[in-house]
Amino acid sequence: MKLPVALHTAVFHSLEDQIAVIDQTGNILEVNRAWQYFGIENRLPSGYSCLGRNYLETLSKAAIAGDSLADEALQGVAAVLAGKREFFCFEYPCHSPDEKRWFTMRITSLHGEEGEGFFVISHHNITQRKLAEEQVEEIAKQDPLTGLSNRRAFHPFLSNEMRRSIREQTPIGLALIDVDYFKNYNDEFGHAAGDQCLLSVSKILLAHARRPGDLVARIGGDEFALILGNTGLEMAGEIAESILKAILDLKIVIGESRQVTLSIGLLSVVPHEKQSEDFLIQEADKALYLAKSAGRNQVVYAQPSINGQAQPMNPPDNAR
């Protein structure tokens, strides 16, 4: 039994996906209610009709204005209309002022004799999936004990800050930090107490990284890193010395005489294009080694010289 046309129309308008039918030149011939409602939700006037407008021209205007996503969509849609592709799928963000949103656009030819020369475009909302993916990605970049960033988040953040510093010719500070005598503390008081010690250290480090260009990361068991965007050696030294004092004020004691402290290798440079984030890490790590070798509970300042090697420096006069 052939279903009545009215039923097909009812189904068409009942779907949540935004659907439009276009001809081979890109003219919009029909849209469903979801398409109309989406336009109203995005500030098109009530009663506005897309019928008769050209979908390709709309994409083209956005592409000419510099929208790379519109340009990619334009190329895919045009390929299907020209018979070069059977279908085209495309994921894209469409954030509103109030919420994040993502959609999948798909275009394919209509099947059947009556559909010859016509094409259907659908936009399917995939926001919930994308938000879940973002949440999983954020969790993957987070240290489960301290809630700080982990190595996976540390490296791209440092890379981005390096590129910004090179572009703007501003200094970037990097501190590599070890918790002194942590193994002894862990052995004496147990892992639960050791975890509390690391949490206390994390809170202090986080309190010293308040700007958008700053990041604290736990990069090992008792190893931390602090990125200080747009921070010269003098300010970086003040921050590092403040961290040392804050840890001493905690008075986390091992046995009768030894206290948990920090060793810090500190570097601040205005990087150039030939330097990588790995270079900064290596030089700060050398400074950290010197801090531990010299007796711990101190900051060793390192600065790359002209030949690219880090040299230990005395701290700035006002850093101690």
Protein backbone atom coordinates (compact mmCIF):
# COMPACT_ATOMS: atom_id res chain seq x y z
CA MET A 1 0.00 0.00 0.00
CA LYS A 2 1.34 3.41 -0.98
CA LEU A 3 1.49 5.86 1.90
CA PRO A 4 -0.35 9.13 1.42
CA VAL A 5 1.69 12.27 0.64
CA ALA A 6 0.32 13.95 3.78
CA LEU A 7 1.95 11.27 5.92
CA HIS A 8 5.32 11.80 4.24
CA THR A 9 4.97 15.52 4.88
CA ALA A 10 4.10 14.91 8.54
CA VAL A 11 7.18 12.71 8.97
CA PHE A 12 9.34 15.34 7.24
CA HIS A 13 8.24 18.03 9.66
CA SER A 14 8.41 15.76 12.73
CA LEU A 15 12.14 15.05 12.44
CA GLU A 16 14.47 16.86 14.85
CA ASP A 17 17.21 17.17 12.23
CA GLN A 18 17.15 20.34 10.16
CA ILE A 19 16.42 19.24 6.60
CA ALA A 20 16.37 21.14 3.31
CA VAL A 21 15.84 19.98 -0.27
CA ILE A 22 17.86 21.80 -2.94
CA ASP A 23 18.20 21.53 -6.70
CA GLN A 24 21.40 21.07 -8.68
CA THR A 25 22.13 24.81 -8.69
CA GLY A 26 21.82 25.06 -4.90
CA ASN A 27 18.38 26.71 -4.71
CA ILE A 28 16.44 25.76 -1.58
CA LEU A 29 13.09 24.21 -2.57
CA GLU A 30 11.77 22.94 0.75
CA VAL A 31 12.71 22.97 4.43
CA ASN A 32 11.19 21.26 7.43
CA ARG A 33 9.98 22.94 10.61
CA ALA A 34 13.20 22.12 12.48
CA TRP A 35 15.13 24.12 9.86
CA GLN A 36 12.75 27.06 10.28
CA TYR A 37 12.89 26.93 14.08
CA PHE A 38 16.68 26.82 14.02
CA GLY A 39 16.71 30.04 12.00
CA ILE A 40 14.40 31.75 14.50
CA GLU A 41 16.56 30.53 17.41
CA ASN A 42 19.54 32.12 15.69
CA ARG A 43 17.87 35.52 15.42
CA LEU A 44 16.27 35.30 12.01
CA PRO A 45 12.93 37.13 12.06
CA SER A 46 9.77 35.10 12.55
CA GLY A 47 8.27 34.24 9.19
CA TYR A 48 11.62 34.46 7.41
CA SER A 49 11.67 32.00 4.52
CA CYS A 50 14.74 30.27 3.16
CA LEU A 51 12.80 29.07 0.14
CA GLY A 52 14.21 30.33 -3.12
CA ARG A 53 17.53 31.28 -1.57
CA ASN A 54 20.72 29.66 -2.79
CA TYR A 55 22.55 27.46 -0.31
CA LEU A 56 25.81 27.64 -2.26
CA GLU A 57 25.73 31.44 -2.30
CA THR A 58 25.21 31.54 1.45
CA LEU A 59 28.21 29.29 2.02
CA SER A 60 30.26 31.24 -0.53
CA LYS A 61 29.65 34.58 1.22
CA ALA A 62 30.76 33.11 4.54
CA ALA A 63 33.84 31.56 2.91
CA ILE A 64 34.81 34.86 1.28
CA ALA A 65 34.46 36.54 4.68
CA GLY A 66 37.16 34.19 5.97
CA ASP A 67 35.15 31.30 7.41
CA SER A 68 37.33 28.27 6.63
CA LEU A 69 34.61 25.85 7.79
CA ALA A 70 32.14 27.39 5.34
CA ASP A 71 34.72 27.04 2.58
CA GLU A 72 35.21 23.34 3.38
CA ALA A 73 31.44 22.80 3.41
CA LEU A 74 31.10 24.68 0.12
CA GLN A 75 33.64 22.48 -1.61
CA GLY A 76 31.96 19.29 -0.36
CA VAL A 77 28.42 20.35 -1.29
CA ALA A 78 29.54 21.54 -4.74
CA ALA A 79 31.25 18.19 -5.37
CA VAL A 80 28.02 16.28 -4.63
CA LEU A 81 25.94 18.60 -6.81
CA ALA A 82 28.41 18.11 -9.66
CA GLY A 83 28.22 14.32 -9.33
CA LYS A 84 31.85 14.02 -8.22
CA ARG A 85 30.88 12.56 -4.85
CA GLU A 86 27.98 10.37 -3.79
CA PHE A 87 27.62 12.15 -0.46
CA PHE A 88 29.46 14.56 1.83
CA CYS A 89 29.55 14.61 5.66
CA PHE A 90 31.01 17.40 7.72
CA GLU A 91 31.23 18.08 11.48
CA TYR A 92 31.27 21.72 12.54
CA PRO A 93 30.81 23.90 15.63
CA CYS A 94 27.89 26.32 15.73
CA HIS A 95 28.16 27.91 19.16
CA SER A 96 25.52 30.37 20.31
CA PRO A 97 26.07 33.14 22.89
CA ASP A 98 24.45 30.86 25.48
CA GLU A 99 25.81 27.40 24.74
CA LYS A 100 28.30 25.27 22.86
CA ARG A 101 26.80 23.37 19.92
CA TRP A 102 28.10 21.04 17.23
CA PHE A 103 26.38 19.58 14.18
CA THR A 104 26.98 17.07 11.44
CA MET A 105 25.96 18.22 7.98
CA ARG A 106 25.24 15.59 5.33
CA ILE A 107 24.23 16.04 1.71
CA THR A 108 23.20 13.29 -0.67
CA SER A 109 21.03 12.94 -3.74
CA LEU A 110 17.37 12.03 -3.36
CA HIS A 111 16.59 8.51 -4.57
CA GLY A 112 13.81 7.44 -6.89
CA GLU A 113 12.48 8.84 -10.13
CA GLU A 114 10.80 11.80 -8.47
CA GLY A 115 14.02 12.67 -6.64
CA GLU A 116 16.22 12.87 -9.71
CA GLY A 117 18.11 16.17 -9.82
CA PHE A 118 17.29 16.99 -6.20
CA PHE A 119 19.44 16.75 -3.10
CA VAL A 120 18.74 16.61 0.61
CA ILE A 121 20.81 18.42 3.22
CA SER A 122 20.47 17.47 6.89
CA HIS A 123 22.02 18.99 9.99
CA HIS A 124 22.14 16.64 12.98
CA ASN A 125 22.85 17.96 16.49
CA ILE A 126 25.82 16.09 18.03
CA THR A 127 26.37 18.45 20.97
CA GLN A 128 25.93 15.86 23.71
CA ARG A 129 28.53 13.57 22.13
CA LYS A 130 31.01 16.40 21.65
CA LEU A 131 30.57 17.63 25.23
CA ALA A 132 31.17 14.09 26.48
CA GLU A 133 34.31 13.87 24.34
CA GLU A 134 35.53 17.19 25.73
CA GLN A 135 34.94 15.95 29.27
CA VAL A 136 36.87 12.74 28.62
CA GLU A 137 39.71 14.74 27.07
CA GLU A 138 39.86 17.07 30.06
CA ILE A 139 39.94 14.13 32.47
CA ALA A 140 42.76 12.57 30.42
CA LYS A 141 44.79 15.77 30.88
CA GLN A 142 44.28 15.91 34.64
CA ASP A 143 46.33 14.33 37.40
CA PRO A 144 43.85 12.17 39.36
CA LEU A 145 45.39 12.84 42.80
CA THR A 146 46.00 16.58 42.77
CA GLY A 147 43.61 17.74 40.06
CA LEU A 148 46.51 19.60 38.41
CA SER A 149 47.38 19.27 34.75
CA ASN A 150 49.51 16.27 33.84
CA ARG A 151 52.27 15.75 31.26
CA ARG A 152 49.72 15.40 28.49
CA ALA A 153 48.46 18.94 29.14
CA PHE A 154 51.83 20.41 30.13
CA HIS A 155 53.65 19.95 26.82
CA PRO A 156 51.08 21.53 24.46
CA PHE A 157 50.55 24.42 26.89
CA LEU A 158 54.29 25.09 27.02
CA SER A 159 54.49 24.84 23.23
CA ASN A 160 51.69 27.40 22.83
CA GLU A 161 53.28 29.79 25.32
CA MET A 162 56.63 29.41 23.55
CA ARG A 163 55.06 30.35 20.22
CA ARG A 164 53.34 33.34 21.80
CA SER A 165 56.59 34.48 23.43
CA ILE A 166 58.46 34.17 20.14
CA ARG A 167 55.75 36.09 18.31
CA GLU A 168 55.48 38.89 20.89
CA GLN A 169 59.12 38.78 22.05
CA THR A 170 58.13 38.48 25.70
CA PRO A 171 59.87 36.34 28.36
CA ILE A 172 58.61 32.97 29.49
CA GLY A 173 59.49 31.44 32.84
CA LEU A 174 59.75 27.72 33.58
CA ALA A 175 60.35 26.17 36.99
CA LEU A 176 60.94 22.46 37.51
CA ILE A 177 60.27 21.45 41.10
CA ASP A 178 61.08 18.39 43.19
CA VAL A 179 59.77 17.67 46.69
CA ASP A 180 62.85 17.11 48.85
CA TYR A 181 62.99 13.97 50.99
CA PHE A 182 59.56 12.88 49.77
CA LYS A 183 60.55 9.21 49.60
CA ASN A 184 61.68 9.34 53.23
CA TYR A 185 58.39 10.98 54.23
CA ASN A 186 56.40 8.40 52.27
CA ASP A 187 58.35 5.51 53.81
CA GLU A 188 57.96 6.83 57.35
CA PHE A 189 54.31 7.85 57.33
CA GLY A 190 52.78 5.78 54.52
CA HIS A 191 51.25 6.53 51.12
CA ALA A 192 48.13 8.21 52.49
CA ALA A 193 50.23 10.80 54.30
CA GLY A 194 52.42 11.12 51.22
CA ASP A 195 49.36 11.89 49.12
CA GLN A 196 48.32 14.59 51.59
CA CYS A 197 51.81 16.06 51.38
CA LEU A 198 51.57 16.24 47.57
CA LEU A 199 48.12 17.81 47.82
CA SER A 200 49.48 20.50 50.15
CA VAL A 201 52.34 21.23 47.75
CA SER A 202 49.91 21.35 44.83
CA LYS A 203 47.69 23.93 46.52
CA ILE A 204 50.65 26.21 47.14
CA LEU A 205 51.89 25.91 43.56
CA LEU A 206 48.40 26.54 42.21
CA ALA A 207 48.11 29.69 44.31
CA HIS A 208 51.18 31.04 42.50
CA ALA A 209 49.80 30.42 38.99
CA ARG A 210 46.87 32.80 38.65
CA ARG A 211 47.20 34.26 35.16
CA PRO A 212 46.02 32.81 31.83
CA GLY A 213 49.62 32.22 30.74
CA ASP A 214 50.49 30.25 33.91
CA LEU A 215 50.15 26.51 34.41
CA VAL A 216 51.04 24.09 37.19
CA ALA A 217 51.47 20.44 36.22
CA ARG A 218 52.37 17.30 38.08
CA ILE A 219 54.80 15.60 35.71
CA GLY A 220 55.96 12.74 37.95
CA GLY A 221 55.52 11.22 41.39
CA ASP A 222 56.91 14.18 43.36
CA GLU A 223 57.89 16.28 40.35
CA PHE A 224 56.05 19.43 39.33
CA ALA A 225 56.43 22.08 36.66
CA LEU A 226 55.33 25.70 36.70
CA ILE A 227 54.98 27.67 33.47
CA LEU A 228 54.98 31.45 33.92
CA GLY A 229 53.86 33.26 30.79
CA ASN A 230 55.27 36.74 30.10
CA THR A 231 57.44 36.57 33.21
CA GLY A 232 61.02 37.83 33.44
CA LEU A 233 63.68 36.38 35.70
CA GLU A 234 63.14 38.90 38.49
CA MET A 235 59.42 38.21 38.84
CA ALA A 236 59.92 34.46 38.33
CA GLY A 237 62.50 34.54 41.14
CA GLU A 238 60.10 36.29 43.49
CA ILE A 239 57.45 33.65 42.76
CA ALA A 240 59.88 30.77 43.28
CA GLU A 241 61.16 32.18 46.57
CA SER A 242 57.58 32.74 47.74
CA ILE A 243 56.83 29.09 47.01
CA LEU A 244 59.83 27.95 49.05
CA LYS A 245 58.71 30.05 52.02
CA ALA A 246 55.11 28.80 51.80
CA ILE A 247 56.30 25.18 51.88
CA LEU A 248 58.48 25.87 54.93
CA ASP A 249 55.51 27.47 56.66
CA LEU A 250 53.63 24.17 56.33
CA LYS A 251 56.20 22.57 58.69
CA ILE A 252 55.85 19.07 57.22
CA VAL A 253 58.48 17.32 59.36
CA ILE A 254 60.23 13.98 58.87
CA GLY A 255 61.50 12.46 62.09
CA GLU A 256 62.89 14.94 64.61
CA SER A 257 65.02 17.26 62.48
CA ARG A 258 64.31 17.05 58.74
CA GLN A 259 61.57 19.01 57.00
CA VAL A 260 59.97 18.52 53.62
CA THR A 261 61.21 21.31 51.34
CA LEU A 262 61.44 22.01 47.61
CA SER A 263 64.27 22.23 45.12
CA ILE A 264 63.60 24.47 42.11
CA GLY A 265 65.40 24.88 38.80
CA LEU A 266 64.30 28.17 37.28
CA LEU A 267 64.67 29.55 33.79
CA SER A 268 63.36 32.70 32.14
CA VAL A 269 64.15 33.63 28.55
CA VAL A 270 62.85 35.54 25.58
CA PRO A 271 62.94 32.56 23.20
CA HIS A 272 63.87 32.60 19.55
CA GLU A 273 62.60 30.37 16.74
CA LYS A 274 65.51 27.93 16.95
CA GLN A 275 64.73 27.09 20.58
CA SER A 276 62.15 24.43 21.41
CA GLU A 277 60.23 23.71 24.57
CA ASP A 278 62.48 20.65 25.02
CA PHE A 279 65.48 22.98 25.26
CA LEU A 280 63.83 24.97 28.06
CA ILE A 281 62.93 21.78 29.92
CA GLN A 282 66.48 20.42 29.63
CA GLU A 283 68.07 23.64 30.88
CA ALA A 284 65.62 24.04 33.77
CA ASP A 285 66.27 20.39 34.64
CA LYS A 286 70.02 21.06 34.80
CA ALA A 287 69.34 23.92 37.19
CA LEU A 288 67.12 21.65 39.30
CA TYR A 289 69.93 19.09 39.51
CA LEU A 290 72.28 21.82 40.74
CA ALA A 291 69.72 22.90 43.36
CA LYS A 292 69.49 19.36 44.73
CA SER A 293 73.26 18.83 44.59
CA ALA A 294 73.86 22.08 46.47
CA GLY A 295 71.79 20.97 49.46
CA ARG A 296 68.12 21.32 48.42
CA ASN A 297 65.59 23.86 49.71
CA GLN A 298 66.72 26.47 47.21
CA VAL A 299 66.27 27.96 43.76
CA VAL A 300 69.01 27.71 41.17
CA TYR A 301 68.65 30.23 38.38
CA ALA A 302 69.75 29.25 34.90
CA GLN A 303 69.81 31.30 31.74
CA PRO A 304 70.83 30.17 28.24
CA SER A 305 73.95 31.95 27.07
CA ILE A 306 74.76 32.89 23.49
CA ASN A 307 76.05 29.38 22.76
CA GLY A 308 72.78 27.86 23.99
CA GLN A 309 74.00 26.44 27.30
CA ALA A 310 72.32 27.24 30.61
CA GLN A 311 74.52 28.97 33.16
CA PRO A 312 73.81 28.97 36.91
CA MET A 313 73.07 32.51 38.10
CA ASN A 314 72.81 34.21 41.41
CA PRO A 315 69.21 35.16 42.14
CA PRO A 316 68.14 38.74 41.53
CA ASP A 317 68.93 40.99 44.51
CA ASN A 318 65.30 41.31 45.58
CA ALA A 319 64.48 37.60 45.18
CA ARG A 320 65.70 36.57 48.61
